[in-house]
């Protein structure tokens, strides 16, 4: 293993934080329509999630080491989030780091993502009901947004669980297939699936989005091979990762 790869793996491990177990009301009764309904109670087991979105430098290390044709924004600089990342790209990156480190990183489920992003709150945004410039890198905000596109990860305030940029910066892939509503959704935070070729859910909004898209309950989806300059991802893992010494 090269020093560059070892350093990147160390960053990934050290950036994992523990999200405590709990229950919350998933969705919104006053959001963007039926896609956020019905609001339903979900119980989430404690798990780990990466403090930051996977960075351009981390994804570029994967591309360079494996000889993949570059698709990410490696030229953007190490501390910016990786963009132009498809769901398939994210899954390939995770499979690679798992092989190297004998770990079990994964994408979060949609229910885990919303629970973690809320940080123990039940409001539109993790800081309250109203949008506040300066808390999120988005579009058309005025005042607090000093980046034309993505911001370096960790540039703004973390939520109560220590997670940065869960709203804004880049849309983040989850493991779930997209369903048009929550009818029939499980109450245990597990991944919703129907077939391997399904479109996949993204959460959190991006640098190009206005406040209605930046709420914790807002949902989006793309085909699993789609790439856009406002889409990236972050990692999750079960607590067994920490028990095995691969997290901190």
Protein backbone atom coordinates (compact mmCIF):
# COMPACT_ATOMS: atom_id res chain seq x y z
CA UNK A 1 0.00 0.00 0.00
CA UNK A 2 1.44 3.36 -1.01
CA UNK A 3 1.92 6.14 1.56
CA UNK A 4 -0.68 8.20 -0.30
CA UNK A 5 -3.30 5.47 0.00
CA UNK A 6 -2.41 4.77 3.65
CA UNK A 7 -2.77 8.47 4.44
CA UNK A 8 -6.14 8.63 2.70
CA UNK A 9 -7.42 5.58 4.60
CA UNK A 10 -6.30 7.17 7.85
CA UNK A 11 -8.29 10.29 7.01
CA UNK A 12 -11.39 8.26 6.20
CA UNK A 13 -11.21 6.33 9.47
CA UNK A 14 -10.52 9.35 11.67
CA UNK A 15 -13.43 11.28 10.12
CA UNK A 16 -16.05 8.77 11.27
CA UNK A 17 -18.24 9.89 14.16
CA UNK A 18 -20.80 7.94 16.17
CA UNK A 19 -24.44 8.87 15.60
CA UNK A 20 -26.43 7.86 18.69
CA UNK A 21 -29.47 5.63 18.49
CA UNK A 22 -32.88 7.24 18.67
CA UNK A 23 -36.36 7.71 17.24
CA UNK A 24 -37.64 10.51 15.04
CA UNK A 25 -40.47 11.53 12.76
CA UNK A 26 -39.21 11.07 9.18
CA UNK A 27 -40.58 13.34 6.48
CA UNK A 28 -42.61 16.54 6.51
CA UNK A 29 -46.34 17.23 6.51
CA UNK A 30 -45.78 20.70 5.06
CA UNK A 31 -42.93 20.04 2.65
CA UNK A 32 -42.69 19.46 -1.08
CA UNK A 33 -45.73 17.20 -1.39
CA UNK A 34 -46.33 13.49 -1.13
CA UNK A 35 -42.66 12.60 -1.62
CA UNK A 36 -42.07 13.52 2.02
CA UNK A 37 -45.21 11.80 3.32
CA UNK A 38 -46.64 10.08 5.21
CA UNK A 39 -44.63 11.31 8.16
CA UNK A 40 -43.74 8.20 10.12
CA UNK A 41 -41.86 7.23 13.26
CA UNK A 42 -38.49 5.57 12.63
CA UNK A 43 -36.15 3.94 15.14
CA UNK A 44 -32.48 4.16 14.17
CA UNK A 45 -29.75 2.06 15.73
CA UNK A 46 -26.49 3.80 16.53
CA UNK A 47 -24.10 3.83 13.58
CA UNK A 48 -21.13 5.75 12.23
CA UNK A 49 -21.11 8.48 9.60
CA UNK A 50 -18.31 10.52 8.09
CA UNK A 51 -17.89 13.99 9.51
CA UNK A 52 -17.28 15.36 6.01
CA UNK A 53 -18.27 14.50 2.47
CA UNK A 54 -15.69 12.37 0.63
CA UNK A 55 -13.18 14.85 -0.77
CA UNK A 56 -11.89 15.39 -4.27
CA UNK A 57 -8.40 14.33 -3.16
CA UNK A 58 -9.66 11.09 -1.60
CA UNK A 59 -11.62 10.16 -4.70
CA UNK A 60 -8.68 11.11 -6.96
CA UNK A 61 -6.44 8.73 -4.97
CA UNK A 62 -8.93 5.96 -5.76
CA UNK A 63 -8.95 6.85 -9.46
CA UNK A 64 -5.17 7.09 -9.72
CA UNK A 65 -4.49 3.91 -7.76
CA UNK A 66 -7.01 1.79 -9.65
CA UNK A 67 -6.33 3.25 -13.10
CA UNK A 68 -9.91 4.38 -13.56
CA UNK A 69 -10.67 7.07 -16.10
CA UNK A 70 -11.05 10.22 -13.97
CA UNK A 71 -14.62 11.41 -13.52
CA UNK A 72 -14.31 13.26 -10.23
CA UNK A 73 -13.10 16.82 -9.72
CA UNK A 74 -9.63 15.90 -8.49
CA UNK A 75 -8.26 19.17 -9.83
CA UNK A 76 -10.47 21.13 -7.43
CA UNK A 77 -8.12 20.64 -4.50
CA UNK A 78 -7.99 18.22 -1.65
CA UNK A 79 -10.43 19.82 0.75
CA UNK A 80 -13.32 20.28 -1.67
CA UNK A 81 -16.01 17.58 -1.87
CA UNK A 82 -15.75 15.11 -4.72
CA UNK A 83 -18.31 15.93 -7.42
CA UNK A 84 -19.45 14.39 -10.71
CA UNK A 85 -19.85 11.18 -8.72
CA UNK A 86 -22.48 8.64 -9.77
CA UNK A 87 -24.04 6.16 -7.36
CA UNK A 88 -22.02 3.45 -9.11
CA UNK A 89 -18.82 5.49 -8.65
CA UNK A 90 -19.54 5.88 -4.93
CA UNK A 91 -20.19 2.16 -4.50
CA UNK A 92 -16.96 1.34 -6.37
CA UNK A 93 -14.96 3.67 -4.11
CA UNK A 94 -16.45 2.04 -1.02
CA UNK A 95 -15.74 -1.47 -2.30
CA UNK A 96 -12.12 -0.44 -2.92
CA UNK A 97 -11.48 0.99 0.54
CA UNK A 98 -13.19 -2.02 2.11
CA UNK A 99 -10.86 -4.40 0.25
CA UNK A 100 -7.81 -2.40 1.29
CA UNK A 101 -8.71 -2.02 4.94
CA UNK A 102 -10.84 -5.11 5.61
CA UNK A 103 -13.63 -2.73 6.64
CA UNK A 104 -17.35 -2.47 5.98
CA UNK A 105 -17.97 1.11 4.96
CA UNK A 106 -21.22 1.71 3.09
CA UNK A 107 -23.64 4.39 2.00
CA UNK A 108 -26.17 5.43 4.65
CA UNK A 109 -29.79 4.44 4.29
CA UNK A 110 -32.14 7.30 3.52
CA UNK A 111 -33.65 7.03 7.00
CA UNK A 112 -30.21 7.05 8.65
CA UNK A 113 -29.22 10.07 6.56
CA UNK A 114 -32.22 12.16 7.59
CA UNK A 115 -31.88 11.17 11.23
CA UNK A 116 -28.20 12.13 11.25
CA UNK A 117 -28.78 15.37 9.33
CA UNK A 118 -31.47 16.47 11.77
CA UNK A 119 -29.06 16.15 14.67
CA UNK A 120 -31.86 15.53 17.14
CA UNK A 121 -34.18 18.26 15.81
CA UNK A 122 -37.63 18.14 14.19
CA UNK A 123 -37.41 21.44 12.30
CA UNK A 124 -37.01 22.35 8.62
CA UNK A 125 -33.27 22.82 9.07
CA UNK A 126 -31.08 21.35 11.77
CA UNK A 127 -30.69 24.83 13.30
CA UNK A 128 -34.43 25.76 13.26
CA UNK A 129 -37.51 26.42 11.15
CA UNK A 130 -36.17 29.35 9.10
CA UNK A 131 -33.27 29.50 6.69
CA UNK A 132 -30.21 31.31 8.07
CA UNK A 133 -27.53 32.55 5.65
CA UNK A 134 -24.09 31.44 6.71
CA UNK A 135 -25.10 27.95 7.87
CA UNK A 136 -25.14 26.33 4.45
CA UNK A 137 -23.44 26.64 1.06
CA UNK A 138 -26.37 27.06 -1.33
CA UNK A 139 -27.68 29.32 -4.08
CA UNK A 140 -29.45 32.63 -3.88
CA UNK A 141 -28.99 32.96 -0.15
CA UNK A 142 -27.35 36.32 0.18
CA UNK A 143 -24.96 37.34 2.90
CA UNK A 144 -23.24 34.15 3.98
CA UNK A 145 -22.45 32.25 0.79
CA UNK A 146 -18.99 33.23 -0.40
CA UNK A 147 -18.37 30.35 -2.81
CA UNK A 148 -19.48 30.30 -6.43
CA UNK A 149 -19.87 26.51 -6.30
CA UNK A 150 -18.66 24.00 -3.67
CA UNK A 151 -17.01 25.04 -0.43
CA UNK A 152 -14.12 23.19 1.23
CA UNK A 153 -15.55 20.55 3.55
CA UNK A 154 -15.97 21.74 7.12
CA UNK A 155 -16.12 25.43 6.19
CA UNK A 156 -19.41 25.98 8.00
CA UNK A 157 -20.94 24.95 11.32
CA UNK A 158 -21.46 21.28 12.20
CA UNK A 159 -24.78 20.01 13.52
CA UNK A 160 -25.23 18.51 16.98
CA UNK A 161 -23.85 15.14 15.84
CA UNK A 162 -20.64 16.72 14.53
CA UNK A 163 -21.57 16.42 10.84
CA UNK A 164 -20.62 19.17 8.40
CA UNK A 165 -22.37 20.16 5.16
CA UNK A 166 -25.29 17.76 5.52
CA UNK A 167 -27.31 20.55 3.96
CA UNK A 168 -25.90 22.23 0.87
CA UNK A 169 -22.50 21.86 -0.81
CA UNK A 170 -23.35 18.64 -2.72
CA UNK A 171 -26.30 16.28 -2.93
CA UNK A 172 -25.36 13.04 -1.19
CA UNK A 173 -26.16 9.54 -2.42
CA UNK A 174 -27.91 7.07 -0.13
CA UNK A 175 -28.22 3.31 -0.51
CA UNK A 176 -32.00 3.37 -1.11
CA UNK A 177 -34.01 2.85 -4.25
CA UNK A 178 -36.31 5.79 -4.89
CA UNK A 179 -40.00 5.40 -4.05
CA UNK A 180 -42.38 8.32 -4.70
CA UNK A 181 -43.58 8.38 -1.08
CA UNK A 182 -43.12 6.66 2.28
CA UNK A 183 -46.10 4.31 1.99
CA UNK A 184 -44.88 0.93 3.18
CA UNK A 185 -41.52 2.26 4.43
CA UNK A 186 -39.94 0.29 7.27
CA UNK A 187 -39.77 1.80 10.74
CA UNK A 188 -36.27 0.50 11.55
CA UNK A 189 -34.09 2.75 9.39
CA UNK A 190 -33.25 0.00 6.91
CA UNK A 191 -32.57 0.44 3.18
CA UNK A 192 -35.58 0.33 0.82
CA UNK A 193 -34.93 -1.78 -2.28
CA UNK A 194 -36.91 -3.08 -5.21
CA UNK A 195 -34.36 -3.93 -7.91
CA UNK A 196 -30.68 -3.35 -8.66
CA UNK A 197 -31.37 -1.02 -11.59
CA UNK A 198 -33.56 1.39 -9.61
CA UNK A 199 -32.96 5.11 -9.35
CA UNK A 200 -31.26 6.01 -6.08
CA UNK A 201 -32.15 8.60 -3.45
CA UNK A 202 -30.04 11.69 -2.80
CA UNK A 203 -30.40 14.00 0.17
CA UNK A 204 -29.25 17.39 1.45
CA UNK A 205 -29.31 19.74 -1.53
CA UNK A 206 -26.29 21.45 -3.04
CA UNK A 207 -24.48 24.71 -3.76
CA UNK A 208 -26.89 25.27 -6.67
CA UNK A 209 -30.12 24.96 -4.65
CA UNK A 210 -32.46 27.41 -2.93
CA UNK A 211 -33.74 27.02 0.66
CA UNK A 212 -36.75 24.81 -0.10
CA UNK A 213 -34.33 22.16 -1.43
CA UNK A 214 -32.01 22.48 1.55
CA UNK A 215 -34.39 21.25 4.26
CA UNK A 216 -33.60 18.04 6.12
CA UNK A 217 -36.74 16.34 4.75
CA UNK A 218 -36.19 17.18 1.06
CA UNK A 219 -35.69 14.18 -1.25
CA UNK A 220 -34.28 13.81 -4.75
CA UNK A 221 -33.25 10.96 -7.03
CA UNK A 222 -31.16 10.20 -10.10
CA UNK A 223 -30.33 7.12 -12.11
CA UNK A 224 -27.44 5.18 -10.61
CA UNK A 225 -25.05 6.13 -13.43
CA UNK A 226 -25.81 9.88 -13.51
CA UNK A 227 -23.01 12.35 -12.80
CA UNK A 228 -23.42 16.04 -12.01
CA UNK A 229 -21.13 18.76 -10.64
CA UNK A 230 -23.38 19.13 -7.60
CA UNK A 231 -23.47 15.47 -6.54
CA UNK A 232 -21.13 13.64 -4.14
CA UNK A 233 -21.41 11.34 -1.13
CA UNK A 234 -20.37 10.57 2.43
CA UNK A 235 -19.71 7.28 4.18
CA UNK A 236 -21.52 5.31 6.84
CA UNK A 237 -20.61 2.18 8.77
CA UNK A 238 -22.01 -0.05 11.49
CA UNK A 239 -20.52 0.31 14.97
CA UNK A 240 -18.63 -2.94 14.40
CA UNK A 241 -16.20 -0.79 12.42
CA UNK A 242 -15.21 0.99 15.61
CA UNK A 243 -15.11 -2.22 17.60
CA UNK A 244 -12.68 -3.67 15.05
CA UNK A 245 -10.35 -0.69 15.41
CA UNK A 246 -11.12 0.86 12.02
CA UNK A 247 -12.89 3.95 13.38
CA UNK A 248 -12.36 6.54 16.08
